[in-house]
Amino acid sequence: MKIVVLKRTIPSNATRGMLLVSARGSDEEAPSRGIQIEVRDDPTGKDLSDLQRDPDVQAAAPSIPMRLIRPAKIGDPVLGAPGEIAWGVRAVGADTSPRTGKGVKVAVLDTGIDRKHPAFEGIKFTVKNFTGGVPDDVQDIDGHGTHCAATIFGRNVDGMRIGIAPGVTEAVIAKVVGEEGSTLEEIAKATAWAYAEEAHILSISLGIDFDSHRDSFIKQGIPSPQATSLALSDYGACLRLFDRLFDFMADRYHIYRGMLVVAAAGNESSRPHYRVKVAPPADAHGIISVGAVCRKEDGTYAVADFSNQGPQFCAPGVGILSARSGGGLESRDGTSMAAPHAAGVAALWAEAKVATASPGRFRSDLVLRDIEDSVKKIDGFDPDDIGAGLVQAP
C-alpha cells in the first residue's frame, strides 16, 4: 500500500502558509510553488496509523483507486455545421460574451488529449503523463479528455463553435487515467503539478472507485462486511486529504495564489427512482461541484436523470457536441460534460482578474463570487438538484 501525506510547512525561502504534500521514498524532483508530492510504501499500514496521529500531519491517506466519471451516453461521430453554435455554448451565454478567456491558463486532469485535433490549433500545451511510460505521452486513447478540453477552450470545428473560452492560448494537460485506471497518488501529484504550472482554472471529472478498493480486501480473504468497513475507513481518510489539498488550492486566506477547481458531481443518480449525493472529490472543500441539465424540445431545462444531488451549480450536460479524439465531433452525456462548461465560464470571468492581478496573486475566490452573482435561476427545480443555478458567462 502507498500513502500520500500532507503537511503544512513554512520553508525558510518560501511564502508563509505553503503546503507540503510529502512522504518518504520518492526521488521525484519537487515542483516549485511550495507543493511537493512524494510516496511512502507501507505494506503493513502501521505508518498510516502513526501519521494520522502526528500533529504535524494535515492529512494522510492510502493511495486508493480512482476512476473516470464515465459518460452516461456517447453518440456517433458527426461533422460540424458551419455557422452553428453548440447548445451548451448558447445556454451559458458564451456566444454573446465579450470575453474569450484571453490570458487565462486552464488545466485538465483526465485521459489525455488529442493535440492534433483542429479544435486545439494555436494552443500552447504543457503536458505530463502520470500513468507511467513516456512522461510527455498524453495521447488520448479514450476520448474523454479531448471532449472535455474542447468544451472548455476548443476552437471552431468545421465552422461550428464548441468551446466556451476559445481565447485561451495556454493549457496544462495531465494524463491521470490510463489502461490501469488511476489512483489518489496520481491525482494528488497532478493537482500539485498543475498548481506549480500556475494554472488559474482546473477541471476534473474523476471519482473514488470504492467498489474496486473494497474488492481488493475481499480478494485477500477478508469477509465482505469487514472489507467494507476497512474500505470505508480509507475512503474517509481520502476525503480528509482532498479537503486539505483543495482547500489550499483555493487559497481561502489569500496567502499566496488561488486556483479555481471545478469538478463533475457524478452520474450515479437514476431519476425518478433515486438520487445520489455529489461524489468525491467534487464534494471536497475548495472544489466547485457541477451537476448536469438538459434542454427539452420546448426550450426549457430539465435535470439530467443521472446527475448527482447537491451540486453547487449546474451546466449543460446532455447532448454535448465536442471534439472527438481522432477528428470530427461527437455527442456525450454526463456531469463530465457539464463541469467543462463551468470551467470555461470560470475562464471567461477570470480573464479580467488575470489581466489586473499582481504576479502570483490570482484571486480565485473573486471568480467564484462572479459566478455566484451571475447564475441564471431556474424556477420549479429543487436547489438540491441544480445548486445556485445555471452558470452564465460575463
Protein backbone atom coordinates (compact mmCIF):
# COMPACT_ATOMS: atom_id res chain seq x y z
CA MET A 1 0.00 0.00 0.00
CA LYS A 2 1.20 3.51 -0.79
CA ILE A 3 0.47 6.54 1.38
CA VAL A 4 0.07 10.19 0.44
CA VAL A 5 0.87 12.62 3.27
CA LEU A 6 0.06 16.32 3.62
CA LYS A 7 1.99 18.64 5.90
CA ARG A 8 1.81 22.39 6.34
CA THR A 9 5.28 23.86 6.45
CA ILE A 10 6.98 27.25 6.27
CA PRO A 11 10.26 26.81 4.37
CA SER A 12 12.86 29.49 5.09
CA ASN A 13 12.91 30.60 1.45
CA ALA A 14 9.15 30.33 0.80
CA THR A 15 6.00 32.31 1.31
CA ARG A 16 4.22 31.81 4.61
CA GLY A 17 1.44 29.22 4.57
CA MET A 18 2.66 26.99 1.73
CA LEU A 19 1.54 23.39 1.84
CA LEU A 20 3.94 20.47 1.58
CA VAL A 21 2.48 17.23 0.27
CA SER A 22 5.14 14.84 1.44
CA ALA A 23 6.18 11.29 2.27
CA ARG A 24 9.46 9.39 2.32
CA GLY A 25 10.58 7.19 -0.52
CA SER A 26 10.41 9.32 -3.67
CA ASP A 27 13.29 10.79 -5.63
CA GLU A 28 10.95 12.82 -7.82
CA GLU A 29 12.01 16.43 -8.10
CA ALA A 30 9.60 18.65 -6.19
CA PRO A 31 7.65 21.16 -8.29
CA SER A 32 8.00 24.83 -7.49
CA ARG A 33 5.50 26.98 -5.60
CA GLY A 34 5.78 25.02 -2.34
CA ILE A 35 3.95 21.90 -3.46
CA GLN A 36 5.77 18.58 -3.26
CA ILE A 37 4.37 15.10 -3.83
CA GLU A 38 6.19 12.03 -2.60
CA VAL A 39 5.03 8.50 -1.93
CA ARG A 40 5.60 6.18 1.03
CA ASP A 41 5.35 2.43 0.69
CA ASP A 42 3.67 0.93 3.76
CA PRO A 43 2.72 -2.73 3.34
CA THR A 44 1.61 -3.11 6.97
CA GLY A 45 -0.48 0.01 7.38
CA LYS A 46 1.42 0.94 10.57
CA ASP A 47 2.88 4.12 9.08
CA LEU A 48 -0.58 5.35 8.13
CA SER A 49 -1.82 4.99 11.70
CA ASP A 50 1.26 6.76 13.05
CA LEU A 51 0.95 9.58 10.53
CA GLN A 52 -2.71 10.15 11.30
CA ARG A 53 -1.73 10.73 14.95
CA ASP A 54 1.17 13.03 14.08
CA PRO A 55 0.19 16.64 14.99
CA ASP A 56 2.37 17.96 12.16
CA VAL A 57 0.47 15.99 9.51
CA GLN A 58 -2.54 17.68 7.95
CA ALA A 59 -3.82 14.51 6.29
CA ALA A 60 -2.63 11.04 5.34
CA ALA A 61 -4.45 8.50 3.20
CA PRO A 62 -3.78 5.30 1.30
CA SER A 63 -3.49 5.74 -2.45
CA ILE A 64 -6.87 4.16 -3.19
CA PRO A 65 -8.17 3.59 -6.74
CA MET A 66 -9.80 6.44 -8.64
CA ARG A 67 -11.98 6.16 -11.72
CA LEU A 68 -13.17 8.24 -14.62
CA ILE A 69 -16.73 9.53 -14.35
CA ARG A 70 -17.88 7.74 -17.47
CA PRO A 71 -20.39 9.41 -19.81
CA ALA A 72 -23.96 8.21 -19.47
CA LYS A 73 -24.12 8.09 -23.27
CA ILE A 74 -21.80 8.57 -26.25
CA GLY A 75 -23.21 9.39 -29.68
CA ASP A 76 -21.91 8.57 -33.14
CA PRO A 77 -19.21 10.72 -34.76
CA VAL A 78 -20.58 13.77 -36.59
CA LEU A 79 -19.30 16.71 -38.60
CA GLY A 80 -19.60 20.31 -37.54
CA ALA A 81 -22.14 22.58 -39.19
CA PRO A 82 -20.73 25.91 -40.42
CA GLY A 83 -22.17 28.85 -38.51
CA GLU A 84 -23.80 26.64 -35.87
CA ILE A 85 -23.23 27.07 -32.14
CA ALA A 86 -23.37 24.15 -29.71
CA TRP A 87 -26.44 24.44 -27.49
CA GLY A 88 -24.35 24.43 -24.31
CA VAL A 89 -22.35 27.44 -25.52
CA ARG A 90 -25.61 29.33 -26.05
CA ALA A 91 -27.13 28.16 -22.77
CA VAL A 92 -24.32 29.70 -20.69
CA GLY A 93 -24.25 32.85 -22.83
CA ALA A 94 -20.69 32.40 -24.06
CA ASP A 95 -21.68 33.14 -27.66
CA THR A 96 -22.62 36.74 -26.77
CA SER A 97 -19.95 37.38 -24.13
CA PRO A 98 -17.25 39.97 -24.85
CA ARG A 99 -14.76 37.73 -23.03
CA THR A 100 -12.83 34.84 -24.61
CA GLY A 101 -10.59 33.65 -21.77
CA LYS A 102 -7.57 35.51 -23.10
CA GLY A 103 -4.59 35.28 -20.75
CA VAL A 104 -6.15 32.52 -18.63
CA LYS A 105 -4.29 29.22 -18.21
CA VAL A 106 -6.58 26.19 -17.89
CA ALA A 107 -5.60 22.75 -16.59
CA VAL A 108 -7.42 19.49 -17.30
CA LEU A 109 -6.87 16.24 -15.36
CA ASP A 110 -8.27 13.45 -17.50
CA THR A 111 -7.43 10.75 -20.04
CA GLY A 112 -5.07 12.99 -22.01
CA ILE A 113 -5.75 14.90 -25.20
CA ASP A 114 -5.55 14.65 -28.97
CA ARG A 115 -3.29 17.66 -29.51
CA LYS A 116 -3.52 17.31 -33.30
CA HIS A 117 -7.28 17.90 -33.34
CA PRO A 118 -8.22 21.15 -35.17
CA ALA A 119 -10.07 22.26 -32.02
CA PHE A 120 -6.71 22.91 -30.37
CA GLU A 121 -4.97 24.83 -33.13
CA GLY A 122 -2.71 27.58 -31.78
CA ILE A 123 -2.78 26.41 -28.16
CA LYS A 124 0.48 26.07 -26.25
CA PHE A 125 0.34 22.85 -24.24
CA THR A 126 2.27 21.94 -21.12
CA VAL A 127 1.77 18.21 -20.65
CA LYS A 128 2.68 15.39 -18.29
CA ASN A 129 1.79 11.71 -18.17
CA PHE A 130 1.14 10.49 -14.61
CA THR A 131 0.13 6.97 -15.67
CA GLY A 132 3.63 5.63 -16.36
CA GLY A 133 5.53 5.36 -19.61
CA VAL A 134 6.82 8.30 -21.61
CA PRO A 135 6.45 11.46 -19.46
CA ASP A 136 5.10 13.65 -22.27
CA ASP A 137 2.85 11.00 -23.86
CA VAL A 138 -0.64 12.32 -23.18
CA GLN A 139 -2.29 10.86 -26.27
CA ASP A 140 -5.94 10.25 -25.52
CA ILE A 141 -6.99 6.69 -26.37
CA ASP A 142 -10.35 7.09 -24.60
CA GLY A 143 -11.58 10.42 -25.98
CA HIS A 144 -12.96 11.71 -22.68
CA GLY A 145 -10.17 14.22 -22.03
CA THR A 146 -10.27 15.54 -25.59
CA HIS A 147 -14.03 16.08 -25.41
CA CYS A 148 -13.82 17.89 -22.05
CA ALA A 149 -10.88 20.09 -23.03
CA ALA A 150 -12.53 21.19 -26.28
CA THR A 151 -15.68 22.19 -24.44
CA ILE A 152 -13.60 24.49 -22.26
CA PHE A 153 -11.31 26.14 -24.82
CA GLY A 154 -11.80 24.45 -28.21
CA ARG A 155 -11.69 26.42 -31.45
CA ASN A 156 -14.44 26.11 -34.05
CA VAL A 157 -14.54 22.75 -35.83
CA ASP A 158 -15.81 22.75 -39.43
CA GLY A 159 -17.17 26.23 -38.72
CA MET A 160 -19.13 25.15 -35.64
CA ARG A 161 -18.49 26.74 -32.25
CA ILE A 162 -18.00 24.18 -29.48
CA GLY A 163 -15.72 25.97 -26.98
CA ILE A 164 -16.80 28.24 -24.13
CA ALA A 165 -13.47 30.13 -23.88
CA PRO A 166 -11.79 29.91 -27.30
CA GLY A 167 -9.40 32.74 -26.41
CA VAL A 168 -7.42 30.51 -24.06
CA THR A 169 -3.95 30.01 -25.56
CA GLU A 170 -2.21 28.07 -22.76
CA ALA A 171 -3.37 24.74 -21.39
CA VAL A 172 -1.94 22.34 -18.83
CA ILE A 173 -2.83 18.71 -19.56
CA ALA A 174 -2.27 15.94 -17.02
CA LYS A 175 -2.97 12.40 -18.16
CA VAL A 176 -4.09 10.72 -14.94
CA VAL A 177 -6.24 7.88 -16.30
CA GLY A 178 -4.58 5.08 -18.24
CA GLU A 179 -5.39 1.49 -19.06
CA GLU A 180 -4.99 0.56 -15.38
CA GLY A 181 -7.25 3.36 -14.17
CA SER A 182 -5.94 5.91 -11.69
CA THR A 183 -5.10 6.34 -8.00
CA LEU A 184 -5.14 9.03 -5.34
CA GLU A 185 -1.38 9.32 -5.72
CA GLU A 186 -1.67 10.31 -9.37
CA ILE A 187 -4.49 12.78 -8.76
CA ALA A 188 -2.65 14.49 -5.88
CA LYS A 189 0.58 14.71 -7.87
CA ALA A 190 -1.18 16.03 -10.96
CA THR A 191 -3.10 18.64 -8.96
CA ALA A 192 0.08 19.90 -7.33
CA TRP A 193 1.82 19.95 -10.70
CA ALA A 194 -0.99 21.96 -12.32
CA TYR A 195 -0.77 24.44 -9.45
CA ALA A 196 3.00 24.67 -9.85
CA GLU A 197 2.48 25.37 -13.56
CA GLU A 198 0.37 28.38 -12.45
CA ALA A 199 -2.93 27.24 -13.88
CA HIS A 200 -5.82 29.54 -12.97
CA ILE A 201 -8.63 27.03 -13.57
CA LEU A 202 -8.53 23.24 -13.10
CA SER A 203 -11.18 20.85 -14.42
CA ILE A 204 -11.59 17.31 -13.02
CA SER A 205 -14.09 14.57 -13.93
CA LEU A 206 -12.98 11.77 -11.62
CA GLY A 207 -14.32 9.87 -8.63
CA ILE A 208 -13.23 7.35 -5.99
CA ASP A 209 -13.50 3.71 -7.07
CA PHE A 210 -14.88 2.42 -3.78
CA ASP A 211 -16.07 -0.92 -5.17
CA SER A 212 -12.64 -1.79 -6.53
CA HIS A 213 -10.95 -0.87 -3.25
CA ARG A 214 -13.39 -2.94 -1.19
CA ASP A 215 -12.99 -5.89 -3.56
CA SER A 216 -9.22 -5.76 -3.07
CA PHE A 217 -9.78 -6.60 0.61
CA ILE A 218 -12.21 -9.39 -0.25
CA LYS A 219 -9.60 -10.91 -2.58
CA GLN A 220 -7.27 -11.06 0.44
CA GLY A 221 -9.77 -13.35 2.15
CA ILE A 222 -11.38 -10.70 4.34
CA PRO A 223 -15.16 -11.20 4.79
CA SER A 224 -17.35 -8.72 2.92
CA PRO A 225 -18.66 -6.78 5.97
CA GLN A 226 -15.15 -6.28 7.34
CA ALA A 227 -13.80 -5.45 3.88
CA THR A 228 -16.47 -2.79 3.54
CA SER A 229 -15.53 -1.35 6.93
CA LEU A 230 -11.82 -1.20 6.01
CA ALA A 231 -12.63 0.40 2.65
CA LEU A 232 -14.87 2.99 4.32
CA SER A 233 -12.05 3.92 6.72
CA ASP A 234 -9.68 4.50 3.80
CA TYR A 235 -12.43 6.36 1.93
CA GLY A 236 -12.81 8.76 4.87
CA ALA A 237 -9.06 9.35 5.03
CA CYS A 238 -9.07 10.12 1.31
CA LEU A 239 -11.90 12.65 1.76
CA ARG A 240 -9.96 14.44 4.51
CA LEU A 241 -6.90 14.60 2.28
CA PHE A 242 -8.93 16.03 -0.59
CA ASP A 243 -10.42 18.63 1.78
CA ARG A 244 -6.98 19.81 2.88
CA LEU A 245 -5.40 19.73 -0.56
CA PHE A 246 -8.13 21.56 -2.47
CA ASP A 247 -8.77 24.00 0.35
CA PHE A 248 -5.17 25.07 -0.02
CA MET A 249 -5.52 25.34 -3.80
CA ALA A 250 -8.46 27.70 -3.33
CA ASP A 251 -6.22 29.95 -1.18
CA ARG A 252 -9.11 30.96 1.06
CA TYR A 253 -6.90 33.13 3.25
CA HIS A 254 -5.23 34.95 0.32
CA ILE A 255 -1.77 33.96 1.46
CA TYR A 256 -0.36 33.30 -1.95
CA ARG A 257 -2.28 32.34 -5.10
CA GLY A 258 -5.56 30.60 -5.82
CA MET A 259 -6.53 28.02 -8.42
CA LEU A 260 -10.24 27.51 -9.02
CA VAL A 261 -11.01 23.78 -9.17
CA VAL A 262 -14.17 22.63 -10.98
CA ALA A 263 -15.35 19.01 -10.73
CA ALA A 264 -18.14 16.80 -12.07
CA ALA A 265 -20.80 15.97 -9.47
CA GLY A 266 -21.11 12.36 -10.64
CA ASN A 267 -23.53 10.24 -12.67
CA GLU A 268 -24.82 7.78 -10.05
CA SER A 269 -28.42 9.01 -9.81
CA SER A 270 -31.39 7.49 -11.65
CA ARG A 271 -34.33 9.86 -11.51
CA PRO A 272 -37.12 9.47 -10.59
CA HIS A 273 -36.17 6.28 -8.72
CA TYR A 274 -33.34 7.63 -6.58
CA ARG A 275 -30.80 10.42 -6.22
CA VAL A 276 -27.20 10.00 -5.05
CA LYS A 277 -25.23 12.74 -3.33
CA VAL A 278 -22.31 14.50 -5.03
CA ALA A 279 -19.41 12.08 -5.22
CA PRO A 280 -15.90 12.91 -4.01
CA PRO A 281 -13.63 14.60 -4.81
CA ALA A 282 -16.30 17.02 -6.09
CA ASP A 283 -17.65 17.48 -2.55
CA ALA A 284 -14.26 18.43 -1.08
CA HIS A 285 -13.68 21.87 0.42
CA GLY A 286 -12.41 24.29 -2.20
CA ILE A 287 -13.91 22.46 -5.18
CA ILE A 288 -16.79 23.75 -7.30
CA SER A 289 -19.16 20.84 -8.00
CA VAL A 290 -21.29 20.89 -11.15
CA GLY A 291 -24.48 18.98 -11.97
CA ALA A 292 -25.99 18.45 -15.41
CA VAL A 293 -29.12 19.78 -17.09
CA CYS A 294 -30.62 19.01 -20.48
CA ARG A 295 -32.64 21.08 -22.92
CA LYS A 296 -36.16 19.94 -23.69
CA GLU A 297 -37.90 20.32 -27.05
CA ASP A 298 -39.79 23.39 -25.85
CA GLY A 299 -36.51 25.13 -24.97
CA THR A 300 -36.85 24.75 -21.21
CA TYR A 301 -34.44 22.85 -18.99
CA ALA A 302 -34.67 19.62 -17.04
CA VAL A 303 -32.27 18.00 -14.59
CA ALA A 304 -30.39 15.13 -16.23
CA ASP A 305 -31.70 11.88 -14.77
CA PHE A 306 -28.15 10.69 -13.94
CA SER A 307 -26.94 13.92 -12.28
CA ASN A 308 -26.00 13.60 -8.61
CA GLN A 309 -27.76 15.57 -5.91
CA GLY A 310 -26.24 18.58 -4.14
CA PRO A 311 -24.01 20.36 -6.71
CA GLN A 312 -23.10 24.00 -6.23
CA PHE A 313 -24.05 24.88 -9.80
CA CYS A 314 -25.45 23.25 -12.91
CA ALA A 315 -24.45 23.41 -16.57
CA PRO A 316 -25.38 21.74 -19.87
CA GLY A 317 -24.54 18.03 -19.74
CA VAL A 318 -26.73 16.18 -22.25
CA GLY A 319 -26.21 16.02 -26.00
CA ILE A 320 -22.94 17.96 -25.77
CA LEU A 321 -21.10 18.16 -29.09
CA SER A 322 -17.35 18.50 -28.71
CA ALA A 323 -14.10 17.25 -30.19
CA ARG A 324 -13.72 13.54 -30.87
CA SER A 325 -10.25 12.05 -30.45
CA GLY A 326 -9.08 11.23 -33.96
CA GLY A 327 -11.06 14.03 -35.60
CA GLY A 328 -14.56 15.39 -36.00
CA LEU A 329 -17.13 15.78 -33.25
CA GLU A 330 -19.23 13.52 -31.07
CA SER A 331 -22.05 13.90 -28.58
CA ARG A 332 -21.68 12.85 -24.93
CA ASP A 333 -23.92 12.98 -21.86
CA GLY A 334 -22.69 13.31 -18.29
CA THR A 335 -21.71 15.63 -15.48
CA SER A 336 -18.24 15.21 -17.01
CA MET A 337 -19.63 17.30 -19.87
CA ALA A 338 -21.24 19.83 -17.51
CA ALA A 339 -18.09 20.54 -15.49
CA PRO A 340 -16.10 21.76 -18.56
CA HIS A 341 -18.90 24.23 -19.33
CA ALA A 342 -18.48 25.67 -15.83
CA ALA A 343 -14.69 25.63 -16.15
CA GLY A 344 -14.97 27.54 -19.42
CA VAL A 345 -17.32 30.09 -17.85
CA ALA A 346 -14.83 30.44 -14.99
CA ALA A 347 -12.09 31.15 -17.55
CA LEU A 348 -14.22 33.93 -19.06
CA TRP A 349 -14.76 35.53 -15.65
CA ALA A 350 -11.08 35.05 -14.79
CA GLU A 351 -9.92 36.99 -17.83
CA ALA A 352 -10.30 40.39 -16.18
CA LYS A 353 -8.86 39.14 -12.87
CA VAL A 354 -5.76 37.71 -14.56
CA ALA A 355 -5.21 40.92 -16.51
CA THR A 356 -5.19 43.06 -13.37
CA ALA A 357 -3.66 40.68 -10.79
CA SER A 358 -0.15 41.15 -9.48
CA PRO A 359 2.21 38.26 -10.30
CA GLY A 360 1.40 35.27 -8.11
CA ARG A 361 -1.70 36.88 -6.61
CA PHE A 362 -4.61 35.48 -8.62
CA ARG A 363 -7.81 35.58 -6.52
CA SER A 364 -9.88 32.53 -7.44
CA ASP A 365 -12.44 33.46 -4.78
CA LEU A 366 -13.34 36.61 -6.73
CA VAL A 367 -14.01 34.50 -9.83
CA LEU A 368 -16.24 32.24 -7.76
CA ARG A 369 -18.12 35.28 -6.47
CA ASP A 370 -18.71 36.47 -10.06
CA ILE A 371 -20.11 33.07 -10.99
CA GLU A 372 -22.36 33.03 -7.93
CA ASP A 373 -23.66 36.54 -8.65
CA SER A 374 -24.43 35.83 -12.31
CA VAL A 375 -26.13 32.41 -12.29
CA LYS A 376 -29.46 32.01 -14.03
CA LYS A 377 -32.13 30.96 -11.56
CA ILE A 378 -34.35 28.19 -12.86
CA ASP A 379 -37.81 28.18 -11.34
CA GLY A 380 -39.51 24.96 -10.40
CA PHE A 381 -36.37 22.97 -9.56
CA ASP A 382 -35.10 21.69 -6.24
CA PRO A 383 -31.92 23.63 -5.34
CA ASP A 384 -30.54 20.27 -4.24
CA ASP A 385 -30.55 19.28 -7.92
CA ILE A 386 -29.21 22.42 -9.59
CA GLY A 387 -27.42 24.29 -6.82
CA ALA A 388 -27.46 28.08 -7.12
CA GLY A 389 -28.45 27.83 -10.78
CA LEU A 390 -27.13 27.63 -14.35
CA VAL A 391 -23.67 29.18 -14.78
CA GLN A 392 -23.54 32.24 -17.04
CA ALA A 393 -20.75 33.94 -18.96
CA PRO A 394 -19.92 37.63 -18.40
